[in-house]
PDB file of N, CA and C in Angstrom:
ATOM      1  N   UNK A   1     143.828 101.365 109.286  1.00  0.00           N
ATOM      2  CA  UNK A   1     143.681 100.863 107.899  1.00  0.00           C
ATOM      3  C   UNK A   1     144.380 100.682 106.922  1.00  0.00           C
ATOM      4  N   UNK A   2     145.019 100.021 106.240  1.00  0.00           N
ATOM      5  CA  UNK A   2     146.212  99.821 105.404  1.00  0.00           C
ATOM      6  C   UNK A   2     145.285  99.918 104.096  1.00  0.00           C
ATOM      7  N   UNK A   3     146.215 101.014 103.435  1.00  0.00           N
ATOM      8  CA  UNK A   3     145.952 101.277 102.282  1.00  0.00           C
ATOM      9  C   UNK A   3     146.966 100.453 101.002  1.00  0.00           C
ATOM     10  N   UNK A   4     146.301  99.754 100.280  1.00  0.00           N
ATOM     11  CA  UNK A   4     147.051  99.196  99.561  1.00  0.00           C
ATOM     12  C   UNK A   4     147.768  99.841  98.351  1.00  0.00           C
ATOM     13  N   UNK A   5     148.867  99.465  97.966  1.00  0.00           N
ATOM     14  CA  UNK A   5     149.873 100.291  97.027  1.00  0.00           C
ATOM     15  C   UNK A   5     149.676  99.670  95.356  1.00  0.00           C
ATOM     16  N   UNK A   6     148.539 100.231  94.978  1.00  0.00           N
ATOM     17  CA  UNK A   6     148.428  99.585  93.899  1.00  0.00           C
ATOM     18  C   UNK A   6     148.805  99.751  92.435  1.00  0.00           C
ATOM     19  N   UNK A   7     149.835 100.884  92.393  1.00  0.00           N
ATOM     20  CA  UNK A   7     150.782 101.119  91.437  1.00  0.00           C
ATOM     21  C   UNK A   7     151.763 100.131  91.302  1.00  0.00           C
ATOM     22  N   UNK A   8     152.396  99.442  92.415  1.00  0.00           N
ATOM     23  CA  UNK A   8     153.332  98.557  92.230  1.00  0.00           C
ATOM     24  C   UNK A   8     153.025  97.175  91.858  1.00  0.00           C
ATOM     25  N   UNK A   9     151.734  97.105  91.874  1.00  0.00           N
ATOM     26  CA  UNK A   9     150.941  95.803  91.541  1.00  0.00           C
ATOM     27  C   UNK A   9     151.087  94.487  92.704  1.00  0.00           C
ATOM     28  N   UNK A  10     150.935  94.959  93.727  1.00  0.00           N
ATOM     29  CA  UNK A  10     151.002  93.936  94.996  1.00  0.00           C
ATOM     30  C   UNK A  10     149.960  93.498  95.211  1.00  0.00           C
ATOM     31  N   UNK A  11     150.010  92.002  94.934  1.00  0.00           N
ATOM     32  CA  UNK A  11     148.553  91.427  94.943  1.00  0.00           C
ATOM     33  C   UNK A  11     148.342  91.157  96.540  1.00  0.00           C
ATOM     34  N   UNK A  12     149.387  90.971  97.187  1.00  0.00           N
ATOM     35  CA  UNK A  12     148.693  90.883  98.497  1.00  0.00           C
ATOM     36  C   UNK A  12     148.462  91.893  99.253  1.00  0.00           C
ATOM     37  N   UNK A  13     148.464  92.941  98.844  1.00  0.00           N
ATOM     38  CA  UNK A  13     147.854  94.046  99.657  1.00  0.00           C
ATOM     39  C   UNK A  13     146.351  94.238  98.994  1.00  0.00           C
ATOM     40  N   UNK A  14     146.026  93.959  97.499  1.00  0.00           N
ATOM     41  CA  UNK A  14     144.805  93.852  97.223  1.00  0.00           C
ATOM     42  C   UNK A  14     143.718  92.537  97.773  1.00  0.00           C
ATOM     43  N   UNK A  15     144.754  91.668  98.283  1.00  0.00           N
ATOM     44  CA  UNK A  15     143.799  90.533  99.059  1.00  0.00           C
ATOM     45  C   UNK A  15     143.573  90.853 100.466  1.00  0.00           C
ATOM     46  N   UNK A  16     144.587  91.876 101.202  1.00  0.00           N
ATOM     47  CA  UNK A  16     144.299  92.462 102.538  1.00  0.00           C
ATOM     48  C   UNK A  16     143.094  93.399 102.413  1.00  0.00           C
ATOM     49  N   UNK A  17     143.327  94.068 101.293  1.00  0.00           N
ATOM     50  CA  UNK A  17     141.818  95.131 101.245  1.00  0.00           C
ATOM     51  C   UNK A  17     140.675  94.264 100.942  1.00  0.00           C
ATOM     52  N   UNK A  18     140.567  93.367 100.336  1.00  0.00           N
ATOM     53  CA  UNK A  18     139.336  92.577  99.853  1.00  0.00           C
ATOM     54  C   UNK A  18     139.063  92.252 101.446  1.00  0.00           C
ATOM     55  N   UNK A  19     139.729  91.032 101.933  1.00  0.00           N
ATOM     56  CA  UNK A  19     139.729  90.674 103.640  1.00  0.00           C
ATOM     57  C   UNK A  19     139.189  91.775 104.574  1.00  0.00           C
ATOM     58  N   UNK A  20     139.646  92.816 104.557  1.00  0.00           N
ATOM     59  CA  UNK A  20     139.046  94.148 105.159  1.00  0.00           C
ATOM     60  C   UNK A  20     137.919  94.177 104.979  1.00  0.00           C
ATOM     61  N   UNK A  21     137.591  94.252 103.699  1.00  0.00           N
ATOM     62  CA  UNK A  21     136.260  94.843 102.990  1.00  0.00           C
ATOM     63  C   UNK A  21     135.106  93.879 103.522  1.00  0.00           C
ATOM     64  N   UNK A  22     135.706  92.465 103.398  1.00  0.00           N
ATOM     65  CA  UNK A  22     134.766  91.267 103.982  1.00  0.00           C
ATOM     66  C   UNK A  22     134.593  91.541 105.562  1.00  0.00           C
ATOM     67  N   UNK A  23     136.059  91.641 106.233  1.00  0.00           N
ATOM     68  CA  UNK A  23     135.265  91.895 107.585  1.00  0.00           C
ATOM     69  C   UNK A  23     134.264  92.920 108.074  1.00  0.00           C
ATOM     70  N   UNK A  24     134.388  93.976 107.482  1.00  0.00           N
ATOM     71  CA  UNK A  24     133.666  95.191 107.325  1.00  0.00           C
ATOM     72  C   UNK A  24     132.274  95.174 107.426  1.00  0.00           C
ATOM     73  N   UNK A  25     132.032  94.459 106.245  1.00  0.00           N
ATOM     74  CA  UNK A  25     130.485  94.152 105.647  1.00  0.00           C
ATOM     75  C   UNK A  25     130.291  92.988 106.692  1.00  0.00           C
ATOM     76  N   UNK A  26     131.066  91.977 107.742  1.00  0.00           N
ATOM     77  CA  UNK A  26     130.343  90.771 108.608  1.00  0.00           C
ATOM     78  C   UNK A  26     130.236  91.766 109.695  1.00  0.00           C
ATOM     79  N   UNK A  27     130.805  92.492 110.165  1.00  0.00           N
ATOM     80  CA  UNK A  27     130.523  93.506 111.191  1.00  0.00           C
ATOM     81  C   UNK A  27     129.269  94.091 110.795  1.00  0.00           C
ATOM     82  N   UNK A  28     129.175  94.990 109.928  1.00  0.00           N
ATOM     83  CA  UNK A  28     127.838  95.803 109.599  1.00  0.00           C
ATOM     84  C   UNK A  28     126.829  94.814 109.659  1.00  0.00           C
ATOM     85  N   UNK A  29     126.520  93.625 109.109  1.00  0.00           N
ATOM     86  CA  UNK A  29     125.765  92.556 108.956  1.00  0.00           C
ATOM     87  C   UNK A  29     125.481  92.318 110.479  1.00  0.00           C
ATOM     88  N   UNK A  30     126.283  92.023 111.384  1.00  0.00           N
ATOM     89  CA  UNK A  30     126.139  91.188 112.753  1.00  0.00           C
ATOM     90  C   UNK A  30     125.370  92.484 113.255  1.00  0.00           C
ATOM     91  N   UNK A  31     125.668  93.968 113.293  1.00  0.00           N
ATOM     92  CA  UNK A  31     125.311  95.046 113.896  1.00  0.00           C
ATOM     93  C   UNK A  31     123.832  95.377 113.570  1.00  0.00           C
ATOM     94  N   UNK A  32     123.686  95.283 112.330  1.00  0.00           N
ATOM     95  CA  UNK A  32     122.029  95.129 111.903  1.00  0.00           C
ATOM     96  C   UNK A  32     121.283  94.064 112.390  1.00  0.00           C
ATOM     97  N   UNK A  33     121.896  92.691 112.430  1.00  0.00           N
ATOM     98  CA  UNK A  33     120.895  91.794 113.012  1.00  0.00           C
ATOM     99  C   UNK A  33     120.865  91.855 114.197  1.00  0.00           C
ATOM    100  N   UNK A  34     121.973  92.467 115.249  1.00  0.00           N
ATOM    101  CA  UNK A  34     121.783  92.434 116.829  1.00  0.00           C
ATOM    102  C   UNK A  34     120.469  93.723 116.939  1.00  0.00           C
ATOM    103  N   UNK A  35     120.661  94.611 116.442  1.00  0.00           N
ATOM    104  CA  UNK A  35     119.456  95.977 115.826  1.00  0.00           C
ATOM    105  C   UNK A  35     117.924  95.289 115.747  1.00  0.00           C
ATOM    106  N   UNK A  36     117.846  94.240 114.684  1.00  0.00           N
ATOM    107  CA  UNK A  36     116.773  93.741 114.599  1.00  0.00           C
ATOM    108  C   UNK A  36     116.209  92.988 115.368  1.00  0.00           C
ATOM    109  N   UNK A  37     117.058  92.015 116.042  1.00  0.00           N
ATOM    110  CA  UNK A  37     116.652  91.067 117.230  1.00  0.00           C
ATOM    111  C   UNK A  37     116.481  92.308 118.378  1.00  0.00           C
ATOM    112  N   UNK A  38     116.683  93.247 118.774  1.00  0.00           N
ATOM    113  CA  UNK A  38     116.727  94.477 119.847  1.00  0.00           C
ATOM    114  C   UNK A  38     115.128  94.660 119.458  1.00  0.00           C
ATOM    115  N   UNK A  39     114.710  94.929 118.259  1.00  0.00           N
ATOM    116  CA  UNK A  39     113.732  95.681 118.176  1.00  0.00           C
ATOM    117  C   UNK A  39     112.296  94.527 118.176  1.00  0.00           C
ATOM    118  N   UNK A  40     112.913  93.639 117.612  1.00  0.00           N
ATOM    119  CA  UNK A  40     112.117  92.225 117.787  1.00  0.00           C
ATOM    120  C   UNK A  40     111.600  92.252 119.398  1.00  0.00           C
ATOM    121  N   UNK A  41     112.529  91.738 119.967  1.00  0.00           N
ATOM    122  CA  UNK A  41     112.094  91.798 121.608  1.00  0.00           C
ATOM    123  C   UNK A  41     111.436  92.659 122.358  1.00  0.00           C
ATOM    124  N   UNK A  42     111.565  93.979 121.627  1.00  0.00           N
ATOM    125  CA  UNK A  42     110.996  95.213 122.340  1.00  0.00           C
ATOM    126  C   UNK A  42     109.416  94.764 122.130  1.00  0.00           C
ATOM    127  N   UNK A  43     109.376  94.506 120.947  1.00  0.00           N
ATOM    128  CA  UNK A  43     108.138  94.359 120.388  1.00  0.00           C
ATOM    129  C   UNK A  43     107.127  93.458 121.510  1.00  0.00           C
ATOM    130  N   UNK A  44     108.093  92.018 121.272  1.00  0.00           N
ATOM    131  CA  UNK A  44     107.461  91.200 122.285  1.00  0.00           C
ATOM    132  C   UNK A  44     107.046  91.517 123.712  1.00  0.00           C
ATOM    133  N   UNK A  45     108.008  92.447 124.188  1.00  0.00           N
ATOM    134  CA  UNK A  45     107.617  92.813 125.380  1.00  0.00           C
ATOM    135  C   UNK A  45     106.543  93.555 125.197  1.00  0.00           C
ATOM    136  N   UNK A  46     106.337  94.459 124.402  1.00  0.00           N
ATOM    137  CA  UNK A  46     104.826  95.239 124.712  1.00  0.00           C
ATOM    138  C   UNK A  46     103.883  94.111 124.228  1.00  0.00           C
ATOM    139  N   UNK A  47     104.145  93.328 123.622  1.00  0.00           N
ATOM    140  CA  UNK A  47     102.648  92.465 123.283  1.00  0.00           C
ATOM    141  C   UNK A  47     102.549  91.665 124.452  1.00  0.00           C
ATOM    142  N   UNK A  48     103.446  91.755 125.557  1.00  0.00           N
ATOM    143  CA  UNK A  48     103.313  90.553 126.726  1.00  0.00           C
ATOM    144  C   UNK A  48     102.420  91.160 127.664  1.00  0.00           C
ATOM    145  N   UNK A  49     102.627  92.938 127.412  1.00  0.00           N
ATOM    146  CA  UNK A  49     101.983  93.524 128.483  1.00  0.00           C
ATOM    147  C   UNK A  49     100.779  93.676 128.095  1.00  0.00           C
ATOM    148  N   UNK A  50     100.082  93.555 126.625  1.00  0.00           N
ATOM    149  CA  UNK A  50      99.079  93.669 126.389  1.00  0.00           C
ATOM    150  C   UNK A  50      98.101  92.194 126.897  1.00  0.00           C
ATOM    151  N   UNK A  51      99.127  91.086 126.874  1.00  0.00           N
ATOM    152  CA  UNK A  51      98.101  89.946 127.241  1.00  0.00           C
ATOM    153  C   UNK A  51      98.199  90.024 128.840  1.00  0.00           C
ATOM    154  N   UNK A  52      98.765  90.558 129.316  1.00  0.00           N
ATOM    155  CA  UNK A  52      99.043  90.985 130.905  1.00  0.00           C
ATOM    156  C   UNK A  52      97.722  91.433 131.140  1.00  0.00           C
ATOM    157  N   UNK A  53      97.234  92.437 130.164  1.00  0.00           N
ATOM    158  CA  UNK A  53      95.733  93.362 130.375  1.00  0.00           C
ATOM    159  C   UNK A  53      94.689  92.100 130.125  1.00  0.00           C
ATOM    160  N   UNK A  54      94.640  91.502 129.503  1.00  0.00           N
ATOM    161  CA  UNK A  54      93.645  90.552 129.300  1.00  0.00           C
ATOM    162  C   UNK A  54      93.488  89.366 130.781  1.00  0.00           C
ATOM    163  N   UNK A  55      94.559  89.579 131.234  1.00  0.00           N
ATOM    164  CA  UNK A  55      94.299  88.680 132.562  1.00  0.00           C
ATOM    165  C   UNK A  55      93.261  89.304 133.755  1.00  0.00           C
ATOM    166  N   UNK A  56      93.181  90.190 133.371  1.00  0.00           N
ATOM    167  CA  UNK A  56      92.519  91.059 134.566  1.00  0.00           C
ATOM    168  C   UNK A  56      90.752  90.747 134.378  1.00  0.00           C
ATOM    169  N   UNK A  57      90.065  90.143 135.101  1.00  0.00           N
ATOM    170  CA  UNK A  57      88.919  89.659 134.832  1.00  0.00           C
ATOM    171  C   UNK A  57      88.325  90.360 136.251  1.00  0.00           C
ATOM    172  N   UNK A  58      87.241  90.681 135.899  1.00  0.00           N
ATOM    173  CA  UNK A  58      86.488  91.294 137.337  1.00  0.00           C
ATOM    174  C   UNK A  58      84.823  90.710 137.272  1.00  0.00           C
ATOM    175  N   UNK A  59      84.478  90.136 138.117  1.00  0.00           N
ATOM    176  CA  UNK A  59      82.875  89.188 138.179  1.00  0.00           C
ATOM    177  C   UNK A  59      82.223  90.151 139.494  1.00  0.00           C
ATOM    178  N   UNK A  60      81.517  90.178 138.911  1.00  0.00           N
ATOM    179  CA  UNK A  60      80.155  91.071 139.751  1.00  0.00           C
ATOM    180  C   UNK A  60      78.932  90.047 139.744  1.00  0.00           C
ATOM    181  N   UNK A  61      78.839  89.862 141.555  1.00  0.00           N
ATOM    182  CA  UNK A  61      77.562  89.082 141.463  1.00  0.00           C
ATOM    183  C   UNK A  61      76.368  89.794 141.101  1.00  0.00           C
ATOM    184  N   UNK A  62      75.153  89.032 141.283  1.00  0.00           N
ATOM    185  CA  UNK A  62      74.071  89.482 140.978  1.00  0.00           C
ATOM    186  C   UNK A  62      73.614  90.871 141.966  1.00  0.00           C
ATOM    187  N   UNK A  63      73.979  90.560 143.217  1.00  0.00           N
ATOM    188  CA  UNK A  63      73.368  91.879 144.020  1.00  0.00           C
ATOM    189  C   UNK A  63      74.466  92.944 143.907  1.00  0.00           C
ATOM    190  N   UNK A  64      75.772  92.843 143.065  1.00  0.00           N
ATOM    191  CA  UNK A  64      76.689  94.200 143.353  1.00  0.00           C
ATOM    192  C   UNK A  64      76.102  94.473 142.000  1.00  0.00           C
ATOM    193  N   UNK A  65      75.906  93.627 140.561  1.00  0.00           N
ATOM    194  CA  UNK A  65      75.001  94.184 140.069  1.00  0.00           C
ATOM    195  C   UNK A  65      73.723  95.403 139.858  1.00  0.00           C
ATOM    196  N   UNK A  66      73.001  94.825 140.977  1.00  0.00           N
ATOM    197  CA  UNK A  66      71.652  95.345 141.102  1.00  0.00           C
ATOM    198  C   UNK A  66      72.152  96.688 141.880  1.00  0.00           C
ATOM    199  N   UNK A  67      73.285  96.768 142.796  1.00  0.00           N
ATOM    200  CA  UNK A  67      73.471  97.858 143.441  1.00  0.00           C
ATOM    201  C   UNK A  67      74.244  98.883 142.312  1.00  0.00           C
ATOM    202  N   UNK A  68      74.888  98.506 141.681  1.00  0.00           N
ATOM    203  CA  UNK A  68      75.335  99.251 140.349  1.00  0.00           C
ATOM    204  C   UNK A  68      74.576  99.900 139.641  1.00  0.00           C
ATOM    205  N   UNK A  69      73.615  99.125 139.534  1.00  0.00           N
ATOM    206  CA  UNK A  69      72.688  99.554 138.257  1.00  0.00           C
ATOM    207  C   UNK A  69      71.736 100.875 139.234  1.00  0.00           C
ATOM    208  N   UNK A  70      71.345 100.476 140.387  1.00  0.00           N
ATOM    209  CA  UNK A  70      70.876 101.757 141.268  1.00  0.00           C
ATOM    210  C   UNK A  70      71.219 102.670 141.528  1.00  0.00           C
ATOM    211  N   UNK A  71      72.910 102.699 141.854  1.00  0.00           N
ATOM    212  CA  UNK A  71      73.695 103.957 141.903  1.00  0.00           C
ATOM    213  C   UNK A  71      73.721 104.746 140.186  1.00  0.00           C
ATOM    214  N   UNK A  72      73.646 103.870 139.203  1.00  0.00           N
ATOM    215  CA  UNK A  72      73.869 104.747 137.977  1.00  0.00           C
ATOM    216  C   UNK A  72      72.254 105.225 137.474  1.00  0.00           C
ATOM    217  N   UNK A  73      71.147 104.791 137.975  1.00  0.00           N
ATOM    218  CA  UNK A  73      69.545 105.095 138.172  1.00  0.00           C
ATOM    219  C   UNK A  73      69.628 106.554 138.741  1.00  0.00           C
ATOM    220  N   UNK A  74      70.488 106.671 140.148  1.00  0.00           N
ATOM    221  CA  UNK A  74      70.533 107.802 140.923  1.00  0.00           C
ATOM    222  C   UNK A  74      71.008 108.612 140.094  1.00  0.00           C
ATOM    223  N   UNK A  75      72.347 108.387 139.360  1.00  0.00           N
ATOM    224  CA  UNK A  75      73.081 109.733 138.529  1.00  0.00           C
ATOM    225  C   UNK A  75      72.111 110.193 137.455  1.00  0.00           C
ATOM    226  N   UNK A  76      71.560 109.145 136.604  1.00  0.00           N
ATOM    227  CA  UNK A  76      70.614 109.799 135.676  1.00  0.00           C
ATOM    228  C   UNK A  76      69.628 110.714 136.157  1.00  0.00           C
ATOM    229  N   UNK A  77      68.939 110.221 137.304  1.00  0.00           N
ATOM    230  CA  UNK A  77      67.778 111.209 138.027  1.00  0.00           C
ATOM    231  C   UNK A  77      68.584 112.596 138.372  1.00  0.00           C
ATOM    232  N   UNK A  78      69.477 112.710 139.156  1.00  0.00           N
ATOM    233  CA  UNK A  78      70.330 113.893 139.306  1.00  0.00           C
ATOM    234  C   UNK A  78      70.706 114.670 138.407  1.00  0.00           C
ATOM    235  N   UNK A  79      71.203 114.162 136.995  1.00  0.00           N
ATOM    236  CA  UNK A  79      71.419 114.796 136.069  1.00  0.00           C
ATOM    237  C   UNK A  79      69.971 115.414 135.549  1.00  0.00           C
ATOM    238  N   UNK A  80      69.023 114.707 135.207  1.00  0.00           N
ATOM    239  CA  UNK A  80      67.651 115.256 134.649  1.00  0.00           C
ATOM    240  C   UNK A  80      67.401 116.173 135.632  1.00  0.00           C
ATOM    241  N   UNK A  81      67.238 116.570 137.105  1.00  0.00           N
ATOM    242  CA  UNK A  81      67.130 117.564 137.593  1.00  0.00           C
ATOM    243  C   UNK A  81      67.938 118.570 137.427  1.00  0.00           C
ATOM    244  N   UNK A  82      69.066 118.386 137.295  1.00  0.00           N
ATOM    245  CA  UNK A  82      70.233 119.746 137.016  1.00  0.00           C
ATOM    246  C   UNK A  82      70.369 120.039 135.854  1.00  0.00           C
ATOM    247  N   UNK A  83      70.169 119.527 134.831  1.00  0.00           N
ATOM    248  CA  UNK A  83      70.530 119.550 133.378  1.00  0.00           C
ATOM    249  C   UNK A  83      70.450 120.971 132.848  1.00  0.00           C
ATOM    250  N   UNK A  84      69.302 121.498 133.474  1.00  0.00           N
ATOM    251  CA  UNK A  84      69.510 123.063 132.938  1.00  0.00           C
ATOM    252  C   UNK A  84      69.185 124.074 134.216  1.00  0.00           C
ATOM    253  N   UNK A  85      69.672 124.027 134.957  1.00  0.00           N
ATOM    254  CA  UNK A  85      70.086 124.341 136.334  1.00  0.00           C
ATOM    255  C   UNK A  85      71.058 125.693 135.838  1.00  0.00           C
ATOM    256  N   UNK A  86      70.794 126.792 136.682  1.00  0.00           N
ATOM    257  CA  UNK A  86      71.952 128.153 136.216  1.00  0.00           C
ATOM    258  C   UNK A  86      73.349 127.477 136.595  1.00  0.00           C
ATOM    259  N   UNK A  87      73.386 126.709 137.035  1.00  0.00           N
ATOM    260  CA  UNK A  87      75.278 126.431 137.784  1.00  0.00           C
ATOM    261  C   UNK A  87      75.656 125.824 136.250  1.00  0.00           C
ATOM    262  N   UNK A  88      74.982 124.691 135.991  1.00  0.00           N
ATOM    263  CA  UNK A  88      75.342 124.019 134.757  1.00  0.00           C
ATOM    264  C   UNK A  88      75.346 124.999 133.297  1.00  0.00           C
ATOM    265  N   UNK A  89      74.391 125.393 133.233  1.00  0.00           N
ATOM    266  CA  UNK A  89      74.279 126.992 132.121  1.00  0.00           C
ATOM    267  C   UNK A  89      75.683 127.587 132.335  1.00  0.00           C
ATOM    268  N   UNK A  90      75.689 128.071 133.391  1.00  0.00           N
ATOM    269  CA  UNK A  90      77.101 129.084 133.452  1.00  0.00           C
ATOM    270  C   UNK A  90      78.453 128.274 133.069  1.00  0.00           C
ATOM    271  N   UNK A  91      78.443 127.190 133.457  1.00  0.00           N
ATOM    272  CA  UNK A  91      79.566 126.070 133.499  1.00  0.00           C
ATOM    273  C   UNK A  91      79.767 125.783 131.733  1.00  0.00           C
ATOM    274  N   UNK A  92      78.700 125.840 131.221  1.00  0.00           N
ATOM    275  CA  UNK A  92      78.577 125.489 129.918  1.00  0.00           C
ATOM    276  C   UNK A  92      79.172 126.623 128.795  1.00  0.00           C
ATOM    277  N   UNK A  93      78.617 127.987 129.418  1.00  0.00           N
ATOM    278  CA  UNK A  93      78.780 129.237 129.072  1.00  0.00           C
ATOM    279  C   UNK A  93      80.321 129.539 128.817  1.00  0.00           C
ATOM    280  N   UNK A  94      80.701 129.293 130.109  1.00  0.00           N
ATOM    281  CA  UNK A  94      82.181 129.286 130.432  1.00  0.00           C
ATOM    282  C   UNK A  94      83.476 128.337 129.772  1.00  0.00           C
ATOM    283  N   UNK A  95      82.961 127.420 129.786  1.00  0.00           N
ATOM    284  CA  UNK A  95      84.124 126.315 128.663  1.00  0.00           C
ATOM    285  C   UNK A  95      83.671 126.674 127.229  1.00  0.00           C
ATOM    286  N   UNK A  96      82.206 127.353 126.931  1.00  0.00           N
ATOM    287  CA  UNK A  96      82.278 127.515 125.211  1.00  0.00           C
ATOM    288  C   UNK A  96      83.080 128.657 125.095  1.00  0.00           C
ATOM    289  N   UNK A  97      83.244 130.067 126.367  1.00  0.00           N
ATOM    290  CA  UNK A  97      84.154 131.110 125.587  1.00  0.00           C
ATOM    291  C   UNK A  97      85.497 130.769 125.911  1.00  0.00           C
ATOM    292  N   UNK A  98      85.829 129.775 126.655  1.00  0.00           N
ATOM    293  CA  UNK A  98      87.204 129.331 126.543  1.00  0.00           C
ATOM    294  C   UNK A  98      87.882 128.417 125.362  1.00  0.00           C
ATOM    295  N   UNK A  99      86.690 127.918 124.895  1.00  0.00           N
ATOM    296  CA  UNK A  99      86.912 127.279 123.708  1.00  0.00           C
ATOM    297  C   UNK A  99      87.392 128.359 122.741  1.00  0.00           C
ATOM    298  N   UNK A 100      86.318 129.421 122.421  1.00  0.00           N
ATOM    299  CA  UNK A 100      87.037 130.844 121.651  1.00  0.00           C
ATOM    300  C   UNK A 100      88.155 131.588 121.917  1.00  0.00           C
ATOM    301  N   UNK A 101      88.384 131.364 123.094  1.00  0.00           N
ATOM    302  CA  UNK A 101      89.783 132.162 123.808  1.00  0.00           C
ATOM    303  C   UNK A 101      90.819 132.395 122.634  1.00  0.00           C
ATOM    304  N   UNK A 102      91.440 133.525 122.820  1.00  0.00           N
ATOM    305  CA  UNK A 102      92.747 133.601 122.411  1.00  0.00           C
ATOM    306  C   UNK A 102      94.046 132.460 122.694  1.00  0.00           C
ATOM    307  N   UNK A 103      93.860 132.274 124.038  1.00  0.00           N
ATOM    308  CA  UNK A 103      94.708 131.485 124.574  1.00  0.00           C
ATOM    309  C   UNK A 103      94.879 130.136 124.033  1.00  0.00           C
ATOM    310  N   UNK A 104      93.711 129.431 123.959  1.00  0.00           N
ATOM    311  CA  UNK A 104      92.970 128.241 123.132  1.00  0.00           C
ATOM    312  C   UNK A 104      93.667 128.233 121.996  1.00  0.00           C
ATOM    313  N   UNK A 105      93.594 129.142 121.139  1.00  0.00           N
ATOM    314  CA  UNK A 105      93.810 129.153 119.697  1.00  0.00           C
ATOM    315  C   UNK A 105      95.298 129.148 119.617  1.00  0.00           C
ATOM    316  N   UNK A 106      95.986 129.981 120.402  1.00  0.00           N
ATOM    317  CA  UNK A 106      97.239 129.865 120.246  1.00  0.00           C
ATOM    318  C   UNK A 106      97.927 128.682 120.783  1.00  0.00           C
ATOM    319  N   UNK A 107      97.534 128.006 121.671  1.00  0.00           N
ATOM    320  CA  UNK A 107      97.800 126.402 122.107  1.00  0.00           C
ATOM    321  C   UNK A 107      97.367 125.765 120.790  1.00  0.00           C
ATOM    322  N   UNK A 108      96.648 125.873 120.253  1.00  0.00           N
ATOM    323  CA  UNK A 108      96.430 124.808 119.141  1.00  0.00           C
ATOM    324  C   UNK A 108      97.114 125.343 118.154  1.00  0.00           C
ATOM    325  N   UNK A 109      97.831 126.702 117.540  1.00  0.00           N
ATOM    326  CA  UNK A 109      98.565 126.825 116.694  1.00  0.00           C
ATOM    327  C   UNK A 109      99.632 126.158 116.968  1.00  0.00           C
ATOM    328  N   UNK A 110     100.307 126.217 118.065  1.00  0.00           N
ATOM    329  CA  UNK A 110     101.804 125.862 118.856  1.00  0.00           C
ATOM    330  C   UNK A 110     101.503 124.131 118.521  1.00  0.00           C
ATOM    331  N   UNK A 111     100.146 123.649 118.997  1.00  0.00           N
ATOM    332  CA  UNK A 111     100.217 121.847 118.676  1.00  0.00           C
ATOM    333  C   UNK A 111     100.525 121.653 117.149  1.00  0.00           C
ATOM    334  N   UNK A 112      99.906 122.590 116.261  1.00  0.00           N
ATOM    335  CA  UNK A 112     100.112 122.621 114.705  1.00  0.00           C
ATOM    336  C   UNK A 112     101.360 122.388 114.350  1.00  0.00           C
ATOM    337  N   UNK A 113     102.334 123.602 114.828  1.00  0.00           N
ATOM    338  CA  UNK A 113     103.709 123.666 114.593  1.00  0.00           C
ATOM    339  C   UNK A 113     104.470 122.663 114.982  1.00  0.00           C
ATOM    340  N   UNK A 114     104.351 122.358 115.901  1.00  0.00           N
ATOM    341  CA  UNK A 114     105.008 121.179 116.687  1.00  0.00           C
ATOM    342  C   UNK A 114     104.659 119.653 115.827  1.00  0.00           C
ATOM    343  N   UNK A 115     103.543 119.626 115.464  1.00  0.00           N
ATOM    344  CA  UNK A 115     103.032 118.337 114.638  1.00  0.00           C
ATOM    345  C   UNK A 115     104.102 118.462 113.642  1.00  0.00           C
ATOM    346  N   UNK A 116     104.091 119.533 112.948  1.00  0.00           N
ATOM    347  CA  UNK A 116     105.078 119.811 111.460  1.00  0.00           C
ATOM    348  C   UNK A 116     106.603 119.498 111.952  1.00  0.00           C
ATOM    349  N   UNK A 117     107.023 119.123 113.005  1.00  0.00           N
ATOM    350  CA  UNK A 117     108.791 118.962 112.875  1.00  0.00           C
ATOM    351  C   UNK A 117     109.042 117.512 113.278  1.00  0.00           C
ATOM    352  N   UNK A 118     110.369 117.027 113.097  1.00  0.00           N
ATOM    353  CA  UNK A 118     110.431 115.790 113.319  1.00  0.00           C
ATOM    354  C   UNK A 118     109.848 115.068 114.372  1.00  0.00           C
ATOM    355  N   UNK A 119     109.971 115.826 115.340  1.00  0.00           N
ATOM    356  CA  UNK A 119     109.685 115.037 116.627  1.00  0.00           C
ATOM    357  C   UNK A 119     108.273 114.846 116.694  1.00  0.00           C
ATOM    358  N   UNK A 120     107.365 115.765 116.093  1.00  0.00           N
ATOM    359  CA  UNK A 120     106.203 115.695 116.305  1.00  0.00           C
ATOM    360  C   UNK A 120     105.453 114.747 115.412  1.00  0.00           C
TER     361      UNK A 120
END
């Protein structure tokens, strides 16, 4: 980069400096425009993936709906039978103890600490 000699009053050097400044500003604007275009393209790609999800359509005929309904009814009946059984109660107790464990509290504290960082 050429540094103008302003003490001598050389007008050519001032014009060169001004041209360099304009060139730098134009390059900076072009880079910003490219970054904005790249971001817009990335956003449109994510929008298109959302559109692709909307393309999936599942149709179930009347017999299929009846079969699914029957299976769900079976699940509900089994749940009512085992809801208060010893294995289900044991599982519930184990999950409750795990919720109150020191290990889980340490993980929650670590998560909170991470969320306070710039990456969180």
